[in-house]
Amino acid sequence: MSNVSFDFTGANVFVAGGTSGINLGIAMGFVLAGAQVGVLSRNPDKVAAAAQLLTDTGGRPASGYVADVRDPAAVSAAIAAFAAETGPVDCLVSGAAGNFRALAADLSPNGFRTVIDIDLNGTFHVMKAAYPHLRRPGASVINISAPQAGLATETQVHACAAKAGVDQVTRTLALEWGPEGIRVNSISPGFIAGTEGLARLGPDGDEQKVAAKLSRVIALRRLGEVADIADTAMFLASNAARYVSGVVLTVDGGAGMTGMARAMFASEG
């Protein structure tokens, strides 16, 4: 876990998609820093398990909500319930995402639409639903982006389009909400060990082989850890980042400089 000390005692943090992977790690980081946390996902079993884990870890009840980010009404109801229970939301993290590898010529309209609906539309739904409940001034909104947002990548046209949209939503709402004292930023994680994304998207289908290959070319010579992203999220939500808004912060250990982010998704042959 984190080697950095943050104090979010008394803060209310809502994490959409916070039941697994990077997003659960972010929720865990905030819990360990003293925050009251709520998580949302469409899978009831994952929601129950995550809420229990966060409760056991933090020693205070964490809240879990079942909703699909593609359903604006359900998302609105969940965030309203969290705010009614805890008070204004100090930090909103929107990280629900879906992805898979497919060349554009083989990608069905439904496959393209599904990723857009979850990643881009879902991010907007979460932000719009949370807006009435964000603390003013002082709230921090953090969206989870991806390298594909700015890097044309084979087999990822759906994710490229969705995440590019997420980054523009981030920048636009940073402009619109900034006068109210609400900061809006994105985190673009690199290759993070132990996550479904790395296991699913690595072309070898073997995370150990992928990790060995990547660690030789990433500038910092290692895969990222979930704690690296959690620490970044807590930094952005903290007073240390009080003048940071409209930023897409890449946290990839220098992978983008080497071209590995694109090479990992390139089609074979």
C-alpha atoms as a PDB file:
ATOM      1  CA  MET A   1       0.000   0.000   0.000  1.00  0.00           C
ATOM      2  CA  SER A   2       0.894   3.674   0.101  1.00  0.00           C
ATOM      3  CA  ASN A   3       4.169   4.929   1.512  1.00  0.00           C
ATOM      4  CA  VAL A   4       2.786   8.478   1.476  1.00  0.00           C
ATOM      5  CA  SER A   5       0.868   9.994   4.367  1.00  0.00           C
ATOM      6  CA  PHE A   6      -2.485  11.629   3.597  1.00  0.00           C
ATOM      7  CA  ASP A   7      -5.206  12.659   6.036  1.00  0.00           C
ATOM      8  CA  PHE A   8      -8.776  12.631   4.743  1.00  0.00           C
ATOM      9  CA  THR A   9     -10.464  12.314   8.126  1.00  0.00           C
ATOM     10  CA  GLY A  10     -13.983  13.680   7.796  1.00  0.00           C
ATOM     11  CA  ALA A  11     -13.948  13.703   3.986  1.00  0.00           C
ATOM     12  CA  ASN A  12     -16.651  11.994   1.937  1.00  0.00           C
ATOM     13  CA  VAL A  13     -15.379  10.141  -1.130  1.00  0.00           C
ATOM     14  CA  PHE A  14     -17.475   8.394  -3.803  1.00  0.00           C
ATOM     15  CA  VAL A  15     -15.820   6.008  -6.254  1.00  0.00           C
ATOM     16  CA  ALA A  16     -17.795   4.872  -9.302  1.00  0.00           C
ATOM     17  CA  GLY A  17     -16.408   1.539 -10.459  1.00  0.00           C
ATOM     18  CA  GLY A  18     -14.740   1.172  -7.084  1.00  0.00           C
ATOM     19  CA  THR A  19     -15.215  -2.550  -6.597  1.00  0.00           C
ATOM     20  CA  SER A  20     -12.133  -3.930  -8.348  1.00  0.00           C
ATOM     21  CA  GLY A  21      -8.702  -3.122  -9.739  1.00  0.00           C
ATOM     22  CA  ILE A  22      -7.393   0.431  -9.744  1.00  0.00           C
ATOM     23  CA  ASN A  23     -10.657   1.930  -8.550  1.00  0.00           C
ATOM     24  CA  LEU A  24     -10.904  -0.372  -5.538  1.00  0.00           C
ATOM     25  CA  GLY A  25      -7.279   0.496  -4.763  1.00  0.00           C
ATOM     26  CA  ILE A  26      -8.179   4.194  -4.833  1.00  0.00           C
ATOM     27  CA  ALA A  27     -11.133   3.572  -2.514  1.00  0.00           C
ATOM     28  CA  MET A  28      -8.851   1.592  -0.211  1.00  0.00           C
ATOM     29  CA  GLY A  29      -6.314   4.418  -0.133  1.00  0.00           C
ATOM     30  CA  PHE A  30      -8.952   6.936   0.920  1.00  0.00           C
ATOM     31  CA  VAL A  31     -10.329   4.580   3.576  1.00  0.00           C
ATOM     32  CA  LEU A  32      -6.871   4.103   5.061  1.00  0.00           C
ATOM     33  CA  ALA A  33      -6.480   7.896   5.070  1.00  0.00           C
ATOM     34  CA  GLY A  34      -9.634   8.254   7.174  1.00  0.00           C
ATOM     35  CA  ALA A  35     -12.304   9.083   4.593  1.00  0.00           C
ATOM     36  CA  GLN A  36     -15.904   7.950   4.536  1.00  0.00           C
ATOM     37  CA  VAL A  37     -16.166   6.042   1.253  1.00  0.00           C
ATOM     38  CA  GLY A  38     -18.959   4.862  -1.007  1.00  0.00           C
ATOM     39  CA  VAL A  39     -18.478   2.649  -4.055  1.00  0.00           C
ATOM     40  CA  LEU A  40     -20.712   1.902  -7.022  1.00  0.00           C
ATOM     41  CA  SER A  41     -20.823  -0.960  -9.517  1.00  0.00           C
ATOM     42  CA  ARG A  42     -23.444  -2.885 -11.440  1.00  0.00           C
ATOM     43  CA  ASN A  43     -22.508  -6.261  -9.890  1.00  0.00           C
ATOM     44  CA  PRO A  44     -24.251  -6.755  -6.520  1.00  0.00           C
ATOM     45  CA  ASP A  45     -21.797  -9.411  -5.325  1.00  0.00           C
ATOM     46  CA  LYS A  46     -18.786  -7.214  -6.092  1.00  0.00           C
ATOM     47  CA  VAL A  47     -20.437  -4.240  -4.412  1.00  0.00           C
ATOM     48  CA  ALA A  48     -21.128  -6.222  -1.238  1.00  0.00           C
ATOM     49  CA  ALA A  49     -17.610  -7.675  -1.148  1.00  0.00           C
ATOM     50  CA  ALA A  50     -15.928  -4.324  -1.742  1.00  0.00           C
ATOM     51  CA  ALA A  51     -18.021  -2.523   0.865  1.00  0.00           C
ATOM     52  CA  GLN A  52     -17.205  -5.217   3.426  1.00  0.00           C
ATOM     53  CA  LEU A  53     -13.497  -5.104   2.617  1.00  0.00           C
ATOM     54  CA  LEU A  54     -13.429  -1.328   2.917  1.00  0.00           C
ATOM     55  CA  THR A  55     -15.372  -1.481   6.170  1.00  0.00           C
ATOM     56  CA  ASP A  56     -13.012  -4.056   7.641  1.00  0.00           C
ATOM     57  CA  THR A  57      -9.966  -2.107   6.471  1.00  0.00           C
ATOM     58  CA  GLY A  58     -11.037   1.313   7.693  1.00  0.00           C
ATOM     59  CA  GLY A  59     -12.865   0.325  10.826  1.00  0.00           C
ATOM     60  CA  ARG A  60     -15.866   2.406   9.794  1.00  0.00           C
ATOM     61  CA  PRO A  61     -18.865   1.475   7.636  1.00  0.00           C
ATOM     62  CA  ALA A  62     -18.324   1.905   3.908  1.00  0.00           C
ATOM     63  CA  SER A  63     -21.309   2.160   1.600  1.00  0.00           C
ATOM     64  CA  GLY A  64     -21.976   0.150  -1.536  1.00  0.00           C
ATOM     65  CA  TYR A  65     -24.442   0.976  -4.292  1.00  0.00           C
ATOM     66  CA  VAL A  66     -25.617  -1.139  -7.211  1.00  0.00           C
ATOM     67  CA  ALA A  67     -26.059   0.824 -10.424  1.00  0.00           C
ATOM     68  CA  ASP A  68     -24.939   0.735 -14.038  1.00  0.00           C
ATOM     69  CA  VAL A  69     -23.168   3.940 -15.074  1.00  0.00           C
ATOM     70  CA  ARG A  70     -25.104   3.740 -18.349  1.00  0.00           C
ATOM     71  CA  ASP A  71     -28.308   4.382 -16.346  1.00  0.00           C
ATOM     72  CA  PRO A  72     -28.360   8.070 -15.320  1.00  0.00           C
ATOM     73  CA  ALA A  73     -31.355   7.717 -13.015  1.00  0.00           C
ATOM     74  CA  ALA A  74     -29.815   4.819 -11.089  1.00  0.00           C
ATOM     75  CA  VAL A  75     -26.502   6.650 -10.735  1.00  0.00           C
ATOM     76  CA  SER A  76     -28.264   9.796  -9.538  1.00  0.00           C
ATOM     77  CA  ALA A  77     -30.184   7.833  -6.926  1.00  0.00           C
ATOM     78  CA  ALA A  78     -27.028   6.159  -5.638  1.00  0.00           C
ATOM     79  CA  ILE A  79     -24.993   9.345  -5.268  1.00  0.00           C
ATOM     80  CA  ALA A  80     -27.945  11.180  -3.718  1.00  0.00           C
ATOM     81  CA  ALA A  81     -28.275   8.370  -1.163  1.00  0.00           C
ATOM     82  CA  PHE A  82     -24.577   8.588  -0.303  1.00  0.00           C
ATOM     83  CA  ALA A  83     -24.744  12.369   0.111  1.00  0.00           C
ATOM     84  CA  ALA A  84     -27.874  12.098   2.244  1.00  0.00           C
ATOM     85  CA  GLU A  85     -26.039   9.679   4.520  1.00  0.00           C
ATOM     86  CA  THR A  86     -22.672  11.428   4.727  1.00  0.00           C
ATOM     87  CA  GLY A  87     -23.048  15.037   3.607  1.00  0.00           C
ATOM     88  CA  PRO A  88     -21.498  16.885   0.640  1.00  0.00           C
ATOM     89  CA  VAL A  89     -19.107  14.892  -1.541  1.00  0.00           C
ATOM     90  CA  ASP A  90     -15.516  16.094  -1.136  1.00  0.00           C
ATOM     91  CA  CYS A  91     -14.005  13.836  -3.782  1.00  0.00           C
ATOM     92  CA  LEU A  92     -15.662  12.062  -6.701  1.00  0.00           C
ATOM     93  CA  VAL A  93     -13.729   9.411  -8.617  1.00  0.00           C
ATOM     94  CA  SER A  94     -15.251   8.188 -11.884  1.00  0.00           C
ATOM     95  CA  GLY A  95     -13.490   5.068 -13.107  1.00  0.00           C
ATOM     96  CA  ALA A  96     -16.000   2.631 -14.557  1.00  0.00           C
ATOM     97  CA  ALA A  97     -14.655   1.265 -17.839  1.00  0.00           C
ATOM     98  CA  GLY A  98     -14.940  -1.541 -20.352  1.00  0.00           C
ATOM     99  CA  ASN A  99     -12.452  -2.628 -22.993  1.00  0.00           C
ATOM    100  CA  PHE A 100     -11.259  -5.439 -25.239  1.00  0.00           C
ATOM    101  CA  ARG A 101      -8.971  -5.861 -28.249  1.00  0.00           C
ATOM    102  CA  ALA A 102     -10.523  -5.657 -31.723  1.00  0.00           C
ATOM    103  CA  LEU A 103      -9.426  -4.288 -35.061  1.00  0.00           C
ATOM    104  CA  ALA A 104     -11.856  -1.687 -36.381  1.00  0.00           C
ATOM    105  CA  ALA A 105     -12.781  -3.871 -39.366  1.00  0.00           C
ATOM    106  CA  ASP A 106     -13.858  -6.629 -36.977  1.00  0.00           C
ATOM    107  CA  LEU A 107     -15.532  -4.415 -34.363  1.00  0.00           C
ATOM    108  CA  SER A 108     -19.313  -4.603 -34.244  1.00  0.00           C
ATOM    109  CA  PRO A 109     -21.406  -1.446 -33.862  1.00  0.00           C
ATOM    110  CA  ASN A 110     -22.595  -2.787 -30.527  1.00  0.00           C
ATOM    111  CA  GLY A 111     -19.040  -3.350 -29.324  1.00  0.00           C
ATOM    112  CA  PHE A 112     -18.052   0.211 -30.207  1.00  0.00           C
ATOM    113  CA  ARG A 113     -21.219   1.640 -28.666  1.00  0.00           C
ATOM    114  CA  THR A 114     -20.810  -0.358 -25.454  1.00  0.00           C
ATOM    115  CA  VAL A 115     -17.359   1.041 -24.682  1.00  0.00           C
ATOM    116  CA  ILE A 116     -18.508   4.578 -25.493  1.00  0.00           C
ATOM    117  CA  ASP A 117     -21.556   4.091 -23.260  1.00  0.00           C
ATOM    118  CA  ILE A 118     -19.555   2.836 -20.275  1.00  0.00           C
ATOM    119  CA  ASP A 119     -16.411   4.945 -20.487  1.00  0.00           C
ATOM    120  CA  LEU A 120     -17.565   8.243 -21.956  1.00  0.00           C
ATOM    121  CA  ASN A 121     -21.301   8.441 -21.343  1.00  0.00           C
ATOM    122  CA  GLY A 122     -20.861   6.758 -17.969  1.00  0.00           C
ATOM    123  CA  THR A 123     -18.278   9.324 -16.889  1.00  0.00           C
ATOM    124  CA  PHE A 124     -20.621  12.153 -17.816  1.00  0.00           C
ATOM    125  CA  HIS A 125     -23.558  10.510 -16.045  1.00  0.00           C
ATOM    126  CA  VAL A 126     -21.529  10.094 -12.849  1.00  0.00           C
ATOM    127  CA  MET A 127     -20.263  13.685 -12.916  1.00  0.00           C
ATOM    128  CA  LYS A 128     -23.670  15.185 -13.677  1.00  0.00           C
ATOM    129  CA  ALA A 129     -25.339  13.088 -10.982  1.00  0.00           C
ATOM    130  CA  ALA A 130     -22.748  14.146  -8.412  1.00  0.00           C
ATOM    131  CA  TYR A 131     -22.769  17.829  -9.311  1.00  0.00           C
ATOM    132  CA  PRO A 132     -25.618  18.876  -6.971  1.00  0.00           C
ATOM    133  CA  HIS A 133     -23.901  17.105  -4.066  1.00  0.00           C
ATOM    134  CA  LEU A 134     -20.305  18.318  -4.504  1.00  0.00           C
ATOM    135  CA  ARG A 135     -18.872  20.487  -1.752  1.00  0.00           C
ATOM    136  CA  ARG A 136     -18.539  24.120  -2.798  1.00  0.00           C
ATOM    137  CA  PRO A 137     -15.839  25.324  -2.745  1.00  0.00           C
ATOM    138  CA  GLY A 138     -13.325  22.527  -2.322  1.00  0.00           C
ATOM    139  CA  ALA A 139     -14.597  19.469  -4.156  1.00  0.00           C
ATOM    140  CA  SER A 140     -12.223  17.437  -6.300  1.00  0.00           C
ATOM    141  CA  VAL A 141     -13.423  15.358  -9.267  1.00  0.00           C
ATOM    142  CA  ILE A 142     -11.038  12.751 -10.679  1.00  0.00           C
ATOM    143  CA  ASN A 143     -11.744  10.806 -13.848  1.00  0.00           C
ATOM    144  CA  ILE A 144      -9.749   7.727 -14.817  1.00  0.00           C
ATOM    145  CA  SER A 145      -8.497   8.018 -18.375  1.00  0.00           C
ATOM    146  CA  ALA A 146      -6.000   5.895 -20.339  1.00  0.00           C
ATOM    147  CA  PRO A 147      -3.022   6.377 -22.689  1.00  0.00           C
ATOM    148  CA  GLN A 148      -5.298   5.625 -25.649  1.00  0.00           C
ATOM    149  CA  ALA A 149      -6.906   9.046 -25.127  1.00  0.00           C
ATOM    150  CA  GLY A 150      -3.990  10.709 -26.854  1.00  0.00           C
ATOM    151  CA  LEU A 151      -2.259   7.848 -28.624  1.00  0.00           C
ATOM    152  CA  ALA A 152      -3.745   6.253 -31.726  1.00  0.00           C
ATOM    153  CA  THR A 153      -3.564   2.548 -30.927  1.00  0.00           C
ATOM    154  CA  GLU A 154      -4.332  -0.504 -33.046  1.00  0.00           C
ATOM    155  CA  THR A 155      -7.198  -2.727 -31.821  1.00  0.00           C
ATOM    156  CA  GLN A 156      -8.362   0.132 -29.559  1.00  0.00           C
ATOM    157  CA  VAL A 157     -10.421   2.500 -31.719  1.00  0.00           C
ATOM    158  CA  HIS A 158     -13.354   2.237 -29.285  1.00  0.00           C
ATOM    159  CA  ALA A 159     -11.205   2.972 -26.217  1.00  0.00           C
ATOM    160  CA  CYS A 160      -9.281   5.721 -28.037  1.00  0.00           C
ATOM    161  CA  ALA A 161     -12.521   7.498 -28.886  1.00  0.00           C
ATOM    162  CA  ALA A 162     -14.052   7.011 -25.445  1.00  0.00           C
ATOM    163  CA  LYS A 163     -11.047   8.094 -23.398  1.00  0.00           C
ATOM    164  CA  ALA A 164     -10.306  11.088 -25.648  1.00  0.00           C
ATOM    165  CA  GLY A 165     -13.873  12.132 -24.911  1.00  0.00           C
ATOM    166  CA  VAL A 166     -13.340  11.624 -21.192  1.00  0.00           C
ATOM    167  CA  ASP A 167     -10.326  13.947 -21.241  1.00  0.00           C
ATOM    168  CA  GLN A 168     -12.284  16.644 -23.055  1.00  0.00           C
ATOM    169  CA  VAL A 169     -15.163  16.279 -20.589  1.00  0.00           C
ATOM    170  CA  THR A 170     -12.590  16.731 -17.821  1.00  0.00           C
ATOM    171  CA  ARG A 171     -11.202  19.921 -19.341  1.00  0.00           C
ATOM    172  CA  THR A 172     -14.605  21.370 -20.214  1.00  0.00           C
ATOM    173  CA  LEU A 173     -16.116  20.808 -16.784  1.00  0.00           C
ATOM    174  CA  ALA A 174     -12.980  22.140 -15.139  1.00  0.00           C
ATOM    175  CA  LEU A 175     -13.834  25.378 -16.951  1.00  0.00           C
ATOM    176  CA  GLU A 176     -17.539  25.286 -16.141  1.00  0.00           C
ATOM    177  CA  TRP A 177     -17.243  24.241 -12.491  1.00  0.00           C
ATOM    178  CA  GLY A 178     -14.043  26.059 -11.609  1.00  0.00           C
ATOM    179  CA  PRO A 179     -15.797  29.308 -10.631  1.00  0.00           C
ATOM    180  CA  GLU A 180     -17.621  27.344  -7.925  1.00  0.00           C
ATOM    181  CA  GLY A 181     -14.341  26.070  -6.480  1.00  0.00           C
ATOM    182  CA  ILE A 182     -14.684  22.548  -7.920  1.00  0.00           C
ATOM    183  CA  ARG A 183     -11.506  21.109  -9.417  1.00  0.00           C
ATOM    184  CA  VAL A 184     -11.722  18.502 -12.205  1.00  0.00           C
ATOM    185  CA  ASN A 185      -8.750  16.382 -13.321  1.00  0.00           C
ATOM    186  CA  SER A 186      -7.991  13.047 -14.978  1.00  0.00           C
ATOM    187  CA  ILE A 187      -5.443  10.353 -14.196  1.00  0.00           C
ATOM    188  CA  SER A 188      -4.074   8.327 -17.112  1.00  0.00           C
ATOM    189  CA  PRO A 189      -2.543   5.162 -15.622  1.00  0.00           C
ATOM    190  CA  GLY A 190       0.148   3.191 -17.392  1.00  0.00           C
ATOM    191  CA  PHE A 191       0.640  -0.566 -17.070  1.00  0.00           C
ATOM    192  CA  ILE A 192      -0.492  -1.526 -13.574  1.00  0.00           C
ATOM    193  CA  ALA A 193       0.391  -4.950 -12.157  1.00  0.00           C
ATOM    194  CA  GLY A 194      -2.345  -7.283 -11.012  1.00  0.00           C
ATOM    195  CA  THR A 195      -5.151  -5.550 -12.874  1.00  0.00           C
ATOM    196  CA  GLU A 196      -7.682  -7.064 -15.238  1.00  0.00           C
ATOM    197  CA  GLY A 197      -6.692  -4.577 -17.907  1.00  0.00           C
ATOM    198  CA  LEU A 198      -3.116  -5.794 -18.033  1.00  0.00           C
ATOM    199  CA  ALA A 199      -4.127  -9.445 -18.046  1.00  0.00           C
ATOM    200  CA  ARG A 200      -6.814  -8.985 -20.691  1.00  0.00           C
ATOM    201  CA  LEU A 201      -5.075  -6.574 -23.023  1.00  0.00           C
ATOM    202  CA  GLY A 202      -1.544  -7.905 -22.995  1.00  0.00           C
ATOM    203  CA  PRO A 203      -1.033  -9.652 -26.355  1.00  0.00           C
ATOM    204  CA  ASP A 204       0.700 -12.671 -24.811  1.00  0.00           C
ATOM    205  CA  GLY A 205      -2.145 -13.377 -22.409  1.00  0.00           C
ATOM    206  CA  ASP A 206       0.495 -14.038 -19.761  1.00  0.00           C
ATOM    207  CA  GLU A 207       0.995 -11.221 -17.258  1.00  0.00           C
ATOM    208  CA  GLN A 208       4.386 -12.477 -16.130  1.00  0.00           C
ATOM    209  CA  LYS A 209       5.734 -12.417 -19.687  1.00  0.00           C
ATOM    210  CA  VAL A 210       4.172  -9.029 -20.282  1.00  0.00           C
ATOM    211  CA  ALA A 211       5.662  -7.683 -17.046  1.00  0.00           C
ATOM    212  CA  ALA A 212       9.126  -8.961 -17.932  1.00  0.00           C
ATOM    213  CA  LYS A 213       8.920  -7.409 -21.389  1.00  0.00           C
ATOM    214  CA  LEU A 214       7.670  -4.076 -20.118  1.00  0.00           C
ATOM    215  CA  SER A 215      10.068  -3.772 -17.196  1.00  0.00           C
ATOM    216  CA  ARG A 216      12.991  -3.718 -19.627  1.00  0.00           C
ATOM    217  CA  VAL A 217      11.702  -0.669 -21.492  1.00  0.00           C
ATOM    218  CA  ILE A 218       9.650   1.427 -19.061  1.00  0.00           C
ATOM    219  CA  ALA A 219      11.833   4.312 -17.931  1.00  0.00           C
ATOM    220  CA  LEU A 220      11.473   3.390 -14.243  1.00  0.00           C
ATOM    221  CA  ARG A 221      12.024  -0.305 -15.080  1.00  0.00           C
ATOM    222  CA  ARG A 222       8.926  -1.630 -13.329  1.00  0.00           C
ATOM    223  CA  LEU A 223       5.199  -1.990 -13.756  1.00  0.00           C
ATOM    224  CA  GLY A 224       3.059   0.405 -11.822  1.00  0.00           C
ATOM    225  CA  GLU A 225       1.256  -0.626  -8.662  1.00  0.00           C
ATOM    226  CA  VAL A 226      -2.319   0.146  -7.722  1.00  0.00           C
ATOM    227  CA  ALA A 227      -0.945   2.189  -4.826  1.00  0.00           C
ATOM    228  CA  ASP A 228       0.820   4.462  -7.332  1.00  0.00           C
ATOM    229  CA  ILE A 229      -2.542   5.469  -8.774  1.00  0.00           C
ATOM    230  CA  ALA A 230      -4.237   5.669  -5.368  1.00  0.00           C
ATOM    231  CA  ASP A 231      -1.513   8.028  -4.139  1.00  0.00           C
ATOM    232  CA  THR A 232      -1.939  10.190  -7.229  1.00  0.00           C
ATOM    233  CA  ALA A 233      -5.694  10.370  -6.675  1.00  0.00           C
ATOM    234  CA  MET A 234      -5.203  11.375  -3.047  1.00  0.00           C
ATOM    235  CA  PHE A 235      -2.673  14.015  -4.078  1.00  0.00           C
ATOM    236  CA  LEU A 236      -5.148  15.490  -6.573  1.00  0.00           C
ATOM    237  CA  ALA A 237      -7.880  15.486  -3.928  1.00  0.00           C
ATOM    238  CA  SER A 238      -5.629  17.039  -1.297  1.00  0.00           C
ATOM    239  CA  ASN A 239      -4.893  20.657  -0.510  1.00  0.00           C
ATOM    240  CA  ALA A 240      -1.444  20.160  -2.027  1.00  0.00           C
ATOM    241  CA  ALA A 241      -3.154  20.217  -5.439  1.00  0.00           C
ATOM    242  CA  ARG A 242      -5.457  23.123  -4.606  1.00  0.00           C
ATOM    243  CA  TYR A 243      -4.425  25.027  -7.768  1.00  0.00           C
ATOM    244  CA  VAL A 244      -4.475  22.017 -10.116  1.00  0.00           C
ATOM    245  CA  SER A 245      -7.509  21.718 -12.398  1.00  0.00           C
ATOM    246  CA  GLY A 246      -8.175  20.708 -15.980  1.00  0.00           C
ATOM    247  CA  VAL A 247      -5.112  18.446 -15.994  1.00  0.00           C
ATOM    248  CA  VAL A 248      -4.729  14.959 -17.476  1.00  0.00           C
ATOM    249  CA  LEU A 249      -1.941  13.513 -15.336  1.00  0.00           C
ATOM    250  CA  THR A 250      -0.047  10.604 -16.881  1.00  0.00           C
ATOM    251  CA  VAL A 251       1.195   8.108 -14.289  1.00  0.00           C
ATOM    252  CA  ASP A 252       3.066   5.486 -16.297  1.00  0.00           C
ATOM    253  CA  GLY A 253       6.669   5.387 -15.112  1.00  0.00           C
ATOM    254  CA  GLY A 254       7.766   6.854 -18.424  1.00  0.00           C
ATOM    255  CA  ALA A 255       6.224   4.110 -20.600  1.00  0.00           C
ATOM    256  CA  GLY A 256       4.749   6.621 -23.017  1.00  0.00           C
ATOM    257  CA  MET A 257       8.187   7.968 -23.873  1.00  0.00           C
ATOM    258  CA  THR A 258       9.397   4.574 -25.062  1.00  0.00           C
ATOM    259  CA  GLY A 259       6.504   3.792 -27.406  1.00  0.00           C
ATOM    260  CA  MET A 260       5.593   0.678 -25.415  1.00  0.00           C
ATOM    261  CA  ALA A 261       2.067   1.899 -24.724  1.00  0.00           C
ATOM    262  CA  ARG A 262       1.300   1.636 -28.445  1.00  0.00           C
ATOM    263  CA  ALA A 263       3.465  -1.416 -29.131  1.00  0.00           C
ATOM    264  CA  MET A 264       1.630  -3.522 -26.550  1.00  0.00           C
ATOM    265  CA  PHE A 265      -1.612  -3.200 -28.516  1.00  0.00           C
ATOM    266  CA  ALA A 266      -0.217  -3.538 -32.024  1.00  0.00           C
ATOM    267  CA  SER A 267      -1.695  -6.309 -34.130  1.00  0.00           C
ATOM    268  CA  GLU A 268       0.534  -9.233 -34.968  1.00  0.00           C
ATOM    269  CA  GLY A 269       1.720 -10.029 -38.474  1.00  0.00           C
END
